[in-house]
Amino acid sequence: MLETISKLVTVISVVVGVVISIWSLSAAQKSEAEARVKEAETRKLELAKPFLELRQKFYLEAVHAAAVLANPEVETDEDIDKARTRFRELYVAELSMVECPNVEESMIQLARTIDKDLTNLTPAQSAAYKLAHALRDTFVMSWEVEGTCPH
């Protein structure tokens, strides 16, 4: 009987050891997988950083031009002309290359409110606008920034 109990304890010890080893291995693999996912997310953010910084720069320029154009009573004619020119440059090309669709829509609405001529593009401006959007589409794919715009 004692021998049977001894064998049973040995078998149970081996089984418990195997279970603990499997559990430890599983926990280690899960931890490693989580670390790899986190590392991939960090790499993705680093890859997107130049695009996001460029977007932020143009957003700040757009909001500055919009502020001047929306408050003409406190601005000089020269500042208004500069803001209108910069707004159109951003609208036609630079901002269009990095903007989110909701920002694009807001730029169009503001342009129509301030000066309907801002949305009347020459053929060259229209071509630049289309080019900027084509570039944006490639940036979104190559820099993996698709999820950076609110829905």
Foldseek 3Di string as FASTA:
>chain_A
DVVVVVVVVVVVVVVVVVVVVVVVVVVVVVVVVVVVVVVVVVVLCVLCVVLVVQLVVLVVLLVVLLVCLVCVVPDDPVSVVVSLVSLLVCLQARNLLRDDPVVNVVSQVSCCVRPVVSPVDDPVSNVRSVVSNVNSVVCCVVSVCVPVDDD
